[in-house]
C-alpha atoms as a PDB file:
ATOM      1  CA  UNK A   1     -30.142  12.516 -44.303  1.00  0.00           C
ATOM      2  CA  UNK A   2     -27.212  10.500 -45.913  1.00  0.00           C
ATOM      3  CA  UNK A   3     -24.595  12.856 -45.202  1.00  0.00           C
ATOM      4  CA  UNK A   4     -25.741  13.046 -41.159  1.00  0.00           C
ATOM      5  CA  UNK A   5     -25.782   9.380 -41.313  1.00  0.00           C
ATOM      6  CA  UNK A   6     -22.486   9.075 -42.567  1.00  0.00           C
ATOM      7  CA  UNK A   7     -21.434  11.635 -40.158  1.00  0.00           C
ATOM      8  CA  UNK A   8     -22.674   9.602 -37.325  1.00  0.00           C
ATOM      9  CA  UNK A   9     -20.965   6.406 -38.461  1.00  0.00           C
ATOM     10  CA  UNK A  10     -17.741   8.255 -39.041  1.00  0.00           C
ATOM     11  CA  UNK A  11     -17.674   9.641 -35.368  1.00  0.00           C
ATOM     12  CA  UNK A  12     -18.895   6.153 -33.849  1.00  0.00           C
ATOM     13  CA  UNK A  13     -16.335   4.311 -35.641  1.00  0.00           C
ATOM     14  CA  UNK A  14     -13.699   7.294 -34.503  1.00  0.00           C
ATOM     15  CA  UNK A  15     -14.781   6.713 -30.933  1.00  0.00           C
ATOM     16  CA  UNK A  16     -15.317   3.105 -30.938  1.00  0.00           C
ATOM     17  CA  UNK A  17     -11.799   2.082 -31.214  1.00  0.00           C
ATOM     18  CA  UNK A  18     -10.410   3.871 -28.312  1.00  0.00           C
ATOM     19  CA  UNK A  19     -13.258   3.921 -25.385  1.00  0.00           C
ATOM     20  CA  UNK A  20     -15.744   1.711 -23.935  1.00  0.00           C
ATOM     21  CA  UNK A  21     -19.418   1.872 -25.149  1.00  0.00           C
ATOM     22  CA  UNK A  22     -20.375   3.828 -21.962  1.00  0.00           C
ATOM     23  CA  UNK A  23     -17.505   6.246 -22.559  1.00  0.00           C
ATOM     24  CA  UNK A  24     -18.658   6.877 -26.122  1.00  0.00           C
ATOM     25  CA  UNK A  25     -21.954   7.590 -25.010  1.00  0.00           C
ATOM     26  CA  UNK A  26     -21.030  10.075 -22.357  1.00  0.00           C
ATOM     27  CA  UNK A  27     -18.608  11.795 -24.874  1.00  0.00           C
ATOM     28  CA  UNK A  28     -21.657  12.189 -27.611  1.00  0.00           C
ATOM     29  CA  UNK A  29     -23.792  13.440 -24.770  1.00  0.00           C
ATOM     30  CA  UNK A  30     -21.220  16.033 -24.042  1.00  0.00           C
ATOM     31  CA  UNK A  31     -19.818  14.740 -20.758  1.00  0.00           C
ATOM     32  CA  UNK A  32     -16.227  14.996 -20.918  1.00  0.00           C
ATOM     33  CA  UNK A  33     -14.958  14.479 -17.396  1.00  0.00           C
ATOM     34  CA  UNK A  34     -12.938  11.945 -15.935  1.00  0.00           C
ATOM     35  CA  UNK A  35     -11.892  11.934 -11.970  1.00  0.00           C
ATOM     36  CA  UNK A  36      -8.612  10.319 -10.480  1.00  0.00           C
ATOM     37  CA  UNK A  37      -8.253   9.253  -6.747  1.00  0.00           C
ATOM     38  CA  UNK A  38      -4.590  10.196  -5.894  1.00  0.00           C
ATOM     39  CA  UNK A  39      -2.903   7.747  -3.659  1.00  0.00           C
ATOM     40  CA  UNK A  40       0.280   7.560  -2.039  1.00  0.00           C
ATOM     41  CA  UNK A  41       2.763   4.325  -2.131  1.00  0.00           C
ATOM     42  CA  UNK A  42       1.089   2.834   0.942  1.00  0.00           C
ATOM     43  CA  UNK A  43      -2.647   3.103  -1.171  1.00  0.00           C
ATOM     44  CA  UNK A  44      -3.845   5.723   1.062  1.00  0.00           C
ATOM     45  CA  UNK A  45      -6.324   8.355  -0.798  1.00  0.00           C
ATOM     46  CA  UNK A  46      -4.367  11.793  -0.519  1.00  0.00           C
ATOM     47  CA  UNK A  47      -6.284  13.581  -3.162  1.00  0.00           C
ATOM     48  CA  UNK A  48      -8.436  13.756  -6.299  1.00  0.00           C
ATOM     49  CA  UNK A  49      -7.917  15.337  -9.783  1.00  0.00           C
ATOM     50  CA  UNK A  50     -10.760  15.957 -12.389  1.00  0.00           C
ATOM     51  CA  UNK A  51     -10.071  16.387 -16.022  1.00  0.00           C
ATOM     52  CA  UNK A  52     -12.875  17.794 -18.388  1.00  0.00           C
ATOM     53  CA  UNK A  53     -12.719  19.019 -21.924  1.00  0.00           C
ATOM     54  CA  UNK A  54     -13.463  22.595 -22.292  1.00  0.00           C
ATOM     55  CA  UNK A  55     -13.401  24.689 -25.461  1.00  0.00           C
ATOM     56  CA  UNK A  56     -10.995  22.401 -27.129  1.00  0.00           C
ATOM     57  CA  UNK A  57      -8.538  22.052 -24.014  1.00  0.00           C
ATOM     58  CA  UNK A  58      -8.222  20.047 -20.951  1.00  0.00           C
ATOM     59  CA  UNK A  59      -9.065  21.614 -17.636  1.00  0.00           C
ATOM     60  CA  UNK A  60      -7.416  19.804 -14.721  1.00  0.00           C
ATOM     61  CA  UNK A  61      -8.256  20.526 -11.131  1.00  0.00           C
ATOM     62  CA  UNK A  62      -6.162  18.875  -8.514  1.00  0.00           C
ATOM     63  CA  UNK A  63      -6.622  18.770  -4.600  1.00  0.00           C
ATOM     64  CA  UNK A  64      -4.092  16.954  -2.817  1.00  0.00           C
ATOM     65  CA  UNK A  65      -2.986  16.819   0.874  1.00  0.00           C
ATOM     66  CA  UNK A  66      -0.494  14.768   3.245  1.00  0.00           C
ATOM     67  CA  UNK A  67       2.262  15.817   0.856  1.00  0.00           C
ATOM     68  CA  UNK A  68       5.528  17.318   1.753  1.00  0.00           C
ATOM     69  CA  UNK A  69       5.837  20.942   1.908  1.00  0.00           C
ATOM     70  CA  UNK A  70       7.299  22.704  -1.195  1.00  0.00           C
ATOM     71  CA  UNK A  71       7.046  22.361  -4.897  1.00  0.00           C
ATOM     72  CA  UNK A  72       6.096  19.130  -6.426  1.00  0.00           C
ATOM     73  CA  UNK A  73       6.071  18.262 -10.290  1.00  0.00           C
ATOM     74  CA  UNK A  74       2.943  17.279 -11.529  1.00  0.00           C
ATOM     75  CA  UNK A  75       2.058  15.607 -14.690  1.00  0.00           C
ATOM     76  CA  UNK A  76      -0.644  13.681 -16.658  1.00  0.00           C
ATOM     77  CA  UNK A  77       0.964  10.325 -17.504  1.00  0.00           C
ATOM     78  CA  UNK A  78       0.363   8.180 -20.549  1.00  0.00           C
ATOM     79  CA  UNK A  79      -0.947   4.954 -19.209  1.00  0.00           C
ATOM     80  CA  UNK A  80      -3.840   4.662 -16.609  1.00  0.00           C
ATOM     81  CA  UNK A  81      -1.999   2.412 -14.303  1.00  0.00           C
ATOM     82  CA  UNK A  82      -0.807   3.262 -10.586  1.00  0.00           C
ATOM     83  CA  UNK A  83       1.296   0.005  -9.237  1.00  0.00           C
ATOM     84  CA  UNK A  84       3.246   1.340  -6.143  1.00  0.00           C
ATOM     85  CA  UNK A  85       5.617   2.017  -4.733  1.00  0.00           C
ATOM     86  CA  UNK A  86       7.220   3.815  -7.551  1.00  0.00           C
ATOM     87  CA  UNK A  87       4.458   4.377  -9.904  1.00  0.00           C
ATOM     88  CA  UNK A  88       6.556   3.689 -12.956  1.00  0.00           C
ATOM     89  CA  UNK A  89       3.603   1.707 -14.323  1.00  0.00           C
ATOM     90  CA  UNK A  90       2.003   5.057 -15.301  1.00  0.00           C
ATOM     91  CA  UNK A  91       4.566   5.331 -18.174  1.00  0.00           C
ATOM     92  CA  UNK A  92       5.900   8.486 -19.572  1.00  0.00           C
ATOM     93  CA  UNK A  93       4.170  11.952 -19.663  1.00  0.00           C
ATOM     94  CA  UNK A  94       0.978  12.195 -21.957  1.00  0.00           C
ATOM     95  CA  UNK A  95       2.529  13.664 -25.229  1.00  0.00           C
ATOM     96  CA  UNK A  96       0.173  13.051 -28.259  1.00  0.00           C
ATOM     97  CA  UNK A  97       1.748  16.064 -30.013  1.00  0.00           C
ATOM     98  CA  UNK A  98       5.284  14.241 -29.312  1.00  0.00           C
ATOM     99  CA  UNK A  99       6.924  17.398 -27.902  1.00  0.00           C
ATOM    100  CA  UNK A 100      10.036  17.827 -25.668  1.00  0.00           C
ATOM    101  CA  UNK A 101       9.453  18.454 -21.872  1.00  0.00           C
ATOM    102  CA  UNK A 102       8.729  21.922 -20.487  1.00  0.00           C
ATOM    103  CA  UNK A 103       7.183  25.246 -21.269  1.00  0.00           C
ATOM    104  CA  UNK A 104      10.376  26.743 -20.944  1.00  0.00           C
ATOM    105  CA  UNK A 105      12.091  24.202 -23.535  1.00  0.00           C
ATOM    106  CA  UNK A 106      11.956  25.496 -27.262  1.00  0.00           C
ATOM    107  CA  UNK A 107      10.838  22.153 -28.383  1.00  0.00           C
ATOM    108  CA  UNK A 108       8.225  21.602 -25.642  1.00  0.00           C
ATOM    109  CA  UNK A 109       6.098  21.165 -23.954  1.00  0.00           C
ATOM    110  CA  UNK A 110       4.265  17.861 -23.496  1.00  0.00           C
ATOM    111  CA  UNK A 111       0.554  17.889 -23.508  1.00  0.00           C
ATOM    112  CA  UNK A 112       0.570  16.600 -19.930  1.00  0.00           C
ATOM    113  CA  UNK A 113       2.976  19.170 -18.668  1.00  0.00           C
ATOM    114  CA  UNK A 114       1.445  20.966 -15.614  1.00  0.00           C
ATOM    115  CA  UNK A 115       2.335  23.728 -13.144  1.00  0.00           C
ATOM    116  CA  UNK A 116       4.325  22.476  -9.856  1.00  0.00           C
ATOM    117  CA  UNK A 117       1.881  22.034  -6.933  1.00  0.00           C
ATOM    118  CA  UNK A 118       2.996  24.349  -4.444  1.00  0.00           C
ATOM    119  CA  UNK A 119       2.473  22.519  -0.869  1.00  0.00           C
ATOM    120  CA  UNK A 120       1.876  24.703   1.951  1.00  0.00           C
ATOM    121  CA  UNK A 121       3.077  23.729   5.721  1.00  0.00           C
ATOM    122  CA  UNK A 122      -0.328  22.213   6.290  1.00  0.00           C
ATOM    123  CA  UNK A 123       0.515  19.764   3.449  1.00  0.00           C
ATOM    124  CA  UNK A 124      -2.188  20.688   0.893  1.00  0.00           C
ATOM    125  CA  UNK A 125      -2.476  22.387  -2.425  1.00  0.00           C
ATOM    126  CA  UNK A 126      -5.395  23.065  -4.836  1.00  0.00           C
ATOM    127  CA  UNK A 127      -4.548  23.881  -8.382  1.00  0.00           C
ATOM    128  CA  UNK A 128      -6.444  24.415 -11.683  1.00  0.00           C
ATOM    129  CA  UNK A 129      -4.721  24.316 -15.000  1.00  0.00           C
ATOM    130  CA  UNK A 130      -5.758  24.063 -18.668  1.00  0.00           C
ATOM    131  CA  UNK A 131      -3.740  21.657 -20.917  1.00  0.00           C
ATOM    132  CA  UNK A 132      -4.125  23.280 -24.411  1.00  0.00           C
ATOM    133  CA  UNK A 133      -3.066  20.306 -26.232  1.00  0.00           C
ATOM    134  CA  UNK A 134      -4.991  16.871 -26.518  1.00  0.00           C
ATOM    135  CA  UNK A 135      -8.551  15.986 -26.333  1.00  0.00           C
ATOM    136  CA  UNK A 136     -10.663  13.996 -23.984  1.00  0.00           C
ATOM    137  CA  UNK A 137     -10.503  10.947 -26.338  1.00  0.00           C
ATOM    138  CA  UNK A 138      -6.850  10.965 -26.595  1.00  0.00           C
ATOM    139  CA  UNK A 139      -6.627  11.342 -22.725  1.00  0.00           C
ATOM    140  CA  UNK A 140      -8.934   8.138 -22.121  1.00  0.00           C
ATOM    141  CA  UNK A 141      -7.786   6.128 -24.909  1.00  0.00           C
ATOM    142  CA  UNK A 142      -7.294   2.444 -24.862  1.00  0.00           C
ATOM    143  CA  UNK A 143      -4.840   2.487 -21.960  1.00  0.00           C
ATOM    144  CA  UNK A 144      -6.144   5.423 -20.340  1.00  0.00           C
ATOM    145  CA  UNK A 145      -3.783   8.180 -18.495  1.00  0.00           C
ATOM    146  CA  UNK A 146      -2.999   8.878 -14.657  1.00  0.00           C
ATOM    147  CA  UNK A 147      -2.001  12.072 -12.816  1.00  0.00           C
ATOM    148  CA  UNK A 148       1.416  11.878 -10.986  1.00  0.00           C
ATOM    149  CA  UNK A 149       2.775  13.863  -8.405  1.00  0.00           C
ATOM    150  CA  UNK A 150       6.821  13.992  -8.112  1.00  0.00           C
ATOM    151  CA  UNK A 151       8.944  14.338  -5.090  1.00  0.00           C
ATOM    152  CA  UNK A 152      10.703  17.453  -6.428  1.00  0.00           C
ATOM    153  CA  UNK A 153       9.982  20.762  -8.303  1.00  0.00           C
ATOM    154  CA  UNK A 154       9.665  20.760 -12.117  1.00  0.00           C
ATOM    155  CA  UNK A 155      12.351  22.972 -13.586  1.00  0.00           C
ATOM    156  CA  UNK A 156       9.875  23.461 -16.604  1.00  0.00           C
ATOM    157  CA  UNK A 157      12.611  22.699 -19.400  1.00  0.00           C
ATOM    158  CA  UNK A 158      14.593  19.338 -18.971  1.00  0.00           C
ATOM    159  CA  UNK A 159      13.593  16.456 -21.008  1.00  0.00           C
ATOM    160  CA  UNK A 160      11.826  13.793 -20.259  1.00  0.00           C
ATOM    161  CA  UNK A 161      10.401  14.942 -16.750  1.00  0.00           C
ATOM    162  CA  UNK A 162      12.109  18.451 -15.620  1.00  0.00           C
ATOM    163  CA  UNK A 163      14.264  17.025 -12.963  1.00  0.00           C
ATOM    164  CA  UNK A 164      11.236  16.209 -11.051  1.00  0.00           C
ATOM    165  CA  UNK A 165      12.544  13.269  -9.030  1.00  0.00           C
ATOM    166  CA  UNK A 166      10.627  10.216  -7.983  1.00  0.00           C
ATOM    167  CA  UNK A 167       6.868   9.625  -8.102  1.00  0.00           C
ATOM    168  CA  UNK A 168       5.223  10.040  -4.851  1.00  0.00           C
ATOM    169  CA  UNK A 169       1.670   9.825  -5.829  1.00  0.00           C
ATOM    170  CA  UNK A 170      -0.576   8.558  -8.546  1.00  0.00           C
ATOM    171  CA  UNK A 171      -4.152   8.487  -9.409  1.00  0.00           C
ATOM    172  CA  UNK A 172      -6.124   6.748 -12.548  1.00  0.00           C
ATOM    173  CA  UNK A 173      -8.408   8.951 -14.555  1.00  0.00           C
ATOM    174  CA  UNK A 174     -11.741   7.041 -14.868  1.00  0.00           C
ATOM    175  CA  UNK A 175     -14.811   8.429 -16.902  1.00  0.00           C
ATOM    176  CA  UNK A 176     -17.273   9.926 -14.755  1.00  0.00           C
END
């Protein structure tokens, strides 16, 4: 009994410093999901992203529309803030492992590096990707996290952002 109580206290202490009591309760109950409404610089909703912890990784499902045709770098950023028009408030890529950017970089990738969205002629794309590094608790730490869509394709190797250009859309993850 004493070991169980000590374990519960340790888990509560670990979670308590980084999340709200509501988020902690969801985490303890096994609900590891967050959603972001993705907006453009005008504040119009153009998509949704859902992040959920699955088997020790973060699966991200992105559905977006009203974007220019072609490939667009897409990343999880370290700060849950999306201030238009440039979304610089989202900070750098989410990188709890302190690697460099890109799956093709020998010192990479960041935990928040995702594949490019490949937007069709109709302006829409849907992608599902699993981020192997990091946990839900790291993702929704005290300053949160955001998803950012960039103007250009990510080259998957150049640090810090794959030469993916300006930030054209952003969404803040909120616990569900």
